[in-house]
Amino acid sequence: MLTINKTTGEINSIQPGGLYAPLPIPAYQVLARMKDHQAQRVLMSIVSHLGFNGKASYPSYTTIAKEAGVGRNAIRGALDVLVEYGFIKIFAYREGKKDRNMYFIQDAAYNTGLMNKFAINHRTFNASCRQCGAGMDRGGYGLGPAGATHFGCGGSVKIWKKEEKFQQVSVVSYKK
């Protein structure tokens, strides 16, 4: 869980799997591999409006369209992709006479180990867990004194060499 000091703006906790970045880099990479550049730009626009809590954003369709450089009709399709892949959740509410949307950036956007089966299929695995057999990239394991450890089950991780990587990709499947 990300916490930010509201007085100083300092980040008090870091997302598991790496250093904190306001832009969810693993989600951005998945969208790039899908070649869904509209969803990438919509995600960038939503992230640029994150509040102090680092999770919620309130931009209007007009603001997103202007910043992302996409039409208002294309925004809905991009939001559907972001929701389907588990990167955001949308909460609709009414403010006066206007219907508004609140966008919540999900932890799966920052951590590969939390991605759903749709998103994980667009990641390139470079390791596998010896205990549960899950394939993963650098976001799914951490290096410690005991070696590489899977964030999901705590098992030891086998990091593939370059020549193994191409053989293993077709063998390891997503487990959840």
Foldseek 3Di string as FASTA:
>chain_A
DWAADPVPRHTPDAQALDGDDLQLVLLLLLCVLVVVLLLNLLSVQQSVQDDSRSWKGWDDLVSSCVRSVHDSVVSVVSVVVCVVFPQWDWDWDDDPPDITIMITGDSCSNAVLPTDQVSVVSDQFFKAFPPPGATDHSRQWDQDPVGIAGPPPRGHMDGHDPVVRVVCPVVHHHDD
